[in-house]
N, C-alpha and C. Protein backbone atom coordinates (compact mmCIF):
# COMPACT_ATOMS: atom_id res chain seq x y z
N MET A 1 -33.90 -34.79 55.19
CA MET A 1 -32.87 -34.72 54.17
C MET A 1 -31.69 -35.55 54.65
N LYS A 2 -31.25 -36.48 53.82
CA LYS A 2 -30.16 -37.39 54.19
C LYS A 2 -28.83 -36.85 53.68
N PRO A 3 -27.84 -36.68 54.56
CA PRO A 3 -26.54 -36.19 54.09
C PRO A 3 -25.83 -37.24 53.25
N ALA A 4 -25.14 -36.79 52.22
CA ALA A 4 -24.43 -37.70 51.33
C ALA A 4 -23.02 -38.01 51.83
N GLY A 5 -22.54 -37.26 52.82
CA GLY A 5 -21.21 -37.50 53.35
C GLY A 5 -20.10 -37.02 52.43
N VAL A 6 -20.42 -36.11 51.52
CA VAL A 6 -19.45 -35.60 50.56
C VAL A 6 -19.34 -34.09 50.75
N VAL A 7 -18.12 -33.59 50.78
CA VAL A 7 -17.89 -32.14 50.90
C VAL A 7 -17.17 -31.68 49.64
N ARG A 8 -17.66 -30.62 49.03
CA ARG A 8 -17.02 -30.03 47.85
C ARG A 8 -16.87 -28.54 48.09
N LYS A 9 -15.82 -27.96 47.53
CA LYS A 9 -15.61 -26.51 47.62
C LYS A 9 -16.22 -25.83 46.40
N VAL A 10 -16.72 -24.64 46.61
CA VAL A 10 -17.24 -23.83 45.51
C VAL A 10 -16.03 -23.16 44.85
N ASP A 11 -15.95 -23.24 43.51
CA ASP A 11 -14.81 -22.62 42.82
C ASP A 11 -15.05 -21.12 42.63
N GLN A 12 -14.08 -20.44 42.03
CA GLN A 12 -14.16 -18.99 41.89
C GLN A 12 -15.31 -18.52 41.01
N LEU A 13 -15.87 -19.41 40.20
CA LEU A 13 -17.03 -19.06 39.37
C LEU A 13 -18.35 -19.49 40.02
N GLY A 14 -18.28 -20.00 41.26
CA GLY A 14 -19.50 -20.39 41.97
C GLY A 14 -19.96 -21.80 41.65
N ARG A 15 -19.11 -22.61 41.03
CA ARG A 15 -19.51 -23.96 40.63
C ARG A 15 -19.08 -24.98 41.68
N ILE A 16 -19.83 -26.07 41.71
CA ILE A 16 -19.44 -27.25 42.48
C ILE A 16 -19.53 -28.45 41.56
N VAL A 17 -18.81 -29.49 41.87
CA VAL A 17 -18.86 -30.72 41.07
C VAL A 17 -19.63 -31.76 41.87
N LEU A 18 -20.67 -32.34 41.26
CA LEU A 18 -21.39 -33.43 41.89
C LEU A 18 -20.58 -34.71 41.68
N PRO A 19 -20.31 -35.46 42.73
CA PRO A 19 -19.53 -36.68 42.57
C PRO A 19 -20.20 -37.66 41.61
N LYS A 20 -19.37 -38.40 40.89
CA LYS A 20 -19.87 -39.36 39.90
C LYS A 20 -20.84 -40.35 40.54
N SER A 21 -20.56 -40.78 41.76
CA SER A 21 -21.44 -41.75 42.43
C SER A 21 -22.85 -41.19 42.62
N LEU A 22 -22.96 -39.90 42.93
CA LEU A 22 -24.29 -39.28 43.08
C LEU A 22 -24.97 -39.11 41.73
N ARG A 23 -24.20 -38.66 40.72
CA ARG A 23 -24.79 -38.51 39.38
C ARG A 23 -25.30 -39.85 38.87
N LYS A 24 -24.55 -40.90 39.12
CA LYS A 24 -24.96 -42.23 38.67
C LYS A 24 -26.20 -42.70 39.43
N ARG A 25 -26.20 -42.51 40.74
CA ARG A 25 -27.33 -42.94 41.58
C ARG A 25 -28.62 -42.26 41.17
N TYR A 26 -28.53 -40.97 40.82
CA TYR A 26 -29.73 -40.19 40.49
C TYR A 26 -29.91 -39.98 38.99
N LEU A 27 -29.21 -40.80 38.19
CA LEU A 27 -29.37 -40.82 36.73
C LEU A 27 -29.21 -39.43 36.11
N MET A 28 -28.17 -38.72 36.53
CA MET A 28 -27.90 -37.38 36.00
C MET A 28 -26.74 -37.47 35.01
N ASN A 29 -26.94 -36.93 33.83
CA ASN A 29 -25.92 -36.95 32.79
C ASN A 29 -25.49 -35.53 32.45
N GLU A 30 -24.34 -35.43 31.81
CA GLU A 30 -23.84 -34.13 31.37
C GLU A 30 -24.90 -33.44 30.51
N GLY A 31 -25.16 -32.20 30.80
CA GLY A 31 -26.13 -31.43 30.03
C GLY A 31 -27.56 -31.50 30.56
N ASP A 32 -27.83 -32.39 31.52
CA ASP A 32 -29.19 -32.48 32.08
C ASP A 32 -29.51 -31.20 32.85
N PRO A 33 -30.72 -30.68 32.71
CA PRO A 33 -31.09 -29.49 33.47
C PRO A 33 -31.31 -29.82 34.95
N VAL A 34 -30.93 -28.90 35.82
CA VAL A 34 -31.08 -29.04 37.26
C VAL A 34 -31.83 -27.82 37.77
N GLU A 35 -32.81 -28.05 38.64
CA GLU A 35 -33.58 -26.97 39.22
C GLU A 35 -33.03 -26.68 40.62
N ILE A 36 -32.94 -25.42 40.98
CA ILE A 36 -32.39 -25.01 42.27
C ILE A 36 -33.51 -24.41 43.12
N PHE A 37 -33.68 -24.94 44.33
CA PHE A 37 -34.68 -24.45 45.28
C PHE A 37 -33.96 -23.98 46.53
N VAL A 38 -34.56 -23.04 47.23
CA VAL A 38 -34.06 -22.61 48.53
C VAL A 38 -35.16 -22.86 49.54
N GLN A 39 -34.80 -23.55 50.62
CA GLN A 39 -35.77 -23.86 51.67
C GLN A 39 -35.09 -23.51 53.00
N GLY A 40 -35.48 -22.38 53.57
CA GLY A 40 -34.81 -21.90 54.78
C GLY A 40 -33.36 -21.58 54.44
N ASP A 41 -32.43 -22.22 55.14
CA ASP A 41 -31.02 -21.99 54.84
C ASP A 41 -30.41 -23.16 54.05
N HIS A 42 -31.26 -23.94 53.38
CA HIS A 42 -30.81 -25.07 52.57
C HIS A 42 -30.96 -24.76 51.09
N ILE A 43 -29.98 -25.18 50.31
CA ILE A 43 -30.04 -25.11 48.85
C ILE A 43 -30.29 -26.53 48.37
N ILE A 44 -31.34 -26.72 47.58
CA ILE A 44 -31.74 -28.05 47.13
C ILE A 44 -31.61 -28.12 45.62
N LEU A 45 -30.93 -29.14 45.13
CA LEU A 45 -30.80 -29.38 43.70
C LEU A 45 -31.69 -30.56 43.33
N GLU A 46 -32.45 -30.43 42.25
CA GLU A 46 -33.28 -31.52 41.74
C GLU A 46 -33.14 -31.59 40.24
N ARG A 47 -33.22 -32.82 39.72
CA ARG A 47 -33.30 -32.95 38.27
C ARG A 47 -34.55 -32.21 37.82
N TYR A 48 -34.44 -31.43 36.76
CA TYR A 48 -35.57 -30.66 36.27
C TYR A 48 -36.57 -31.58 35.61
N ARG A 49 -37.82 -31.45 35.99
CA ARG A 49 -38.92 -32.16 35.34
C ARG A 49 -39.95 -31.12 34.93
N PRO A 50 -40.24 -31.01 33.65
CA PRO A 50 -41.17 -29.97 33.19
C PRO A 50 -42.56 -30.15 33.78
N LYS A 51 -43.23 -29.01 34.00
CA LYS A 51 -44.58 -29.00 34.55
C LYS A 51 -45.49 -28.24 33.59
N CYS A 52 -46.74 -28.62 33.57
CA CYS A 52 -47.74 -27.95 32.74
C CYS A 52 -47.87 -26.49 33.18
N VAL A 53 -47.86 -25.57 32.21
CA VAL A 53 -47.96 -24.14 32.54
C VAL A 53 -49.32 -23.77 33.12
N PHE A 54 -50.33 -24.58 32.87
CA PHE A 54 -51.68 -24.26 33.36
C PHE A 54 -51.98 -24.87 34.72
N CYS A 55 -51.73 -26.17 34.89
CA CYS A 55 -52.14 -26.83 36.13
C CYS A 55 -50.98 -27.30 37.00
N GLY A 56 -49.76 -27.27 36.47
CA GLY A 56 -48.60 -27.69 37.25
C GLY A 56 -48.36 -29.19 37.26
N SER A 57 -49.17 -29.95 36.55
CA SER A 57 -49.00 -31.41 36.51
C SER A 57 -47.69 -31.80 35.82
N MET A 58 -47.12 -32.91 36.25
CA MET A 58 -45.92 -33.44 35.60
C MET A 58 -46.24 -34.70 34.81
N ASN A 59 -47.53 -35.03 34.69
CA ASN A 59 -47.96 -36.24 33.96
C ASN A 59 -48.22 -35.93 32.49
N GLU A 60 -47.69 -36.76 31.62
CA GLU A 60 -47.93 -36.64 30.17
C GLU A 60 -47.64 -35.24 29.64
N VAL A 61 -46.55 -34.64 30.08
CA VAL A 61 -46.21 -33.28 29.67
C VAL A 61 -45.57 -33.29 28.29
N ARG A 62 -46.03 -32.39 27.43
CA ARG A 62 -45.51 -32.26 26.07
C ARG A 62 -45.05 -30.83 25.82
N ASP A 63 -44.06 -30.70 24.97
CA ASP A 63 -43.54 -29.38 24.60
C ASP A 63 -44.39 -28.84 23.45
N PHE A 64 -44.92 -27.63 23.61
CA PHE A 64 -45.71 -26.98 22.56
C PHE A 64 -45.29 -25.52 22.49
N LYS A 65 -44.61 -25.15 21.41
CA LYS A 65 -44.15 -23.77 21.20
C LYS A 65 -43.39 -23.23 22.41
N ASP A 66 -42.41 -24.00 22.85
CA ASP A 66 -41.55 -23.64 23.99
C ASP A 66 -42.30 -23.50 25.31
N ARG A 67 -43.44 -24.13 25.42
CA ARG A 67 -44.20 -24.20 26.68
C ARG A 67 -44.53 -25.66 26.91
N TYR A 68 -44.75 -26.01 28.18
CA TYR A 68 -45.11 -27.39 28.51
C TYR A 68 -46.57 -27.47 28.88
N LEU A 69 -47.26 -28.44 28.27
CA LEU A 69 -48.69 -28.65 28.52
C LEU A 69 -48.91 -30.13 28.80
N CYS A 70 -49.81 -30.42 29.74
CA CYS A 70 -50.13 -31.82 30.02
C CYS A 70 -51.28 -32.27 29.12
N GLY A 71 -51.43 -33.57 29.01
CA GLY A 71 -52.47 -34.14 28.16
C GLY A 71 -53.87 -33.70 28.56
N ALA A 72 -54.12 -33.61 29.88
CA ALA A 72 -55.45 -33.21 30.35
C ALA A 72 -55.78 -31.78 29.93
N CYS A 73 -54.83 -30.87 30.03
CA CYS A 73 -55.08 -29.47 29.64
C CYS A 73 -55.23 -29.35 28.13
N ILE A 74 -54.47 -30.13 27.38
CA ILE A 74 -54.61 -30.13 25.92
C ILE A 74 -56.00 -30.59 25.54
N GLU A 75 -56.48 -31.65 26.19
CA GLU A 75 -57.83 -32.16 25.91
C GLU A 75 -58.89 -31.14 26.29
N GLU A 76 -58.69 -30.47 27.41
CA GLU A 76 -59.65 -29.46 27.86
C GLU A 76 -59.71 -28.29 26.86
N MET A 77 -58.55 -27.88 26.35
CA MET A 77 -58.53 -26.81 25.36
C MET A 77 -59.20 -27.25 24.06
N ALA A 78 -59.01 -28.51 23.69
CA ALA A 78 -59.65 -29.03 22.47
C ALA A 78 -61.15 -28.99 22.61
N GLN A 79 -61.66 -29.28 23.80
CA GLN A 79 -63.11 -29.26 24.03
C GLN A 79 -63.67 -27.83 23.96
N LEU A 80 -62.86 -26.84 24.30
CA LEU A 80 -63.30 -25.46 24.22
C LEU A 80 -63.54 -25.03 22.78
N ARG A 81 -62.78 -25.61 21.86
CA ARG A 81 -62.91 -25.26 20.44
C ARG A 81 -64.13 -25.87 19.80
N ARG A 82 -64.72 -26.88 20.45
CA ARG A 82 -65.89 -27.57 19.86
C ARG A 82 -67.16 -26.84 20.10
C-alpha cells in the first residue's frame, strides 16, 4: 500500500474529505459509491464496482430488479429454461 502523503482529520460526524488531487487521479466524482474494507488495522476505500450475485464476476454486469448479474450467469439461466 503506497502512502499518499496526505493527512486529514475526521470531523464530528465521522467524515473525511478526499483531496481533489486523489479524486481526480482515481476518477471519483461527487455521488460515486465507495466501498469500505477492513484489512487488519487498515481501512481501505475503493470505488464501488458491482459484482454478480451468483458468481462474483465484475465482467459484463447488468442491473436486474435491484440485483447485479453477469452475462455468463444470465446465459446460464436462459439455458435452464430451455
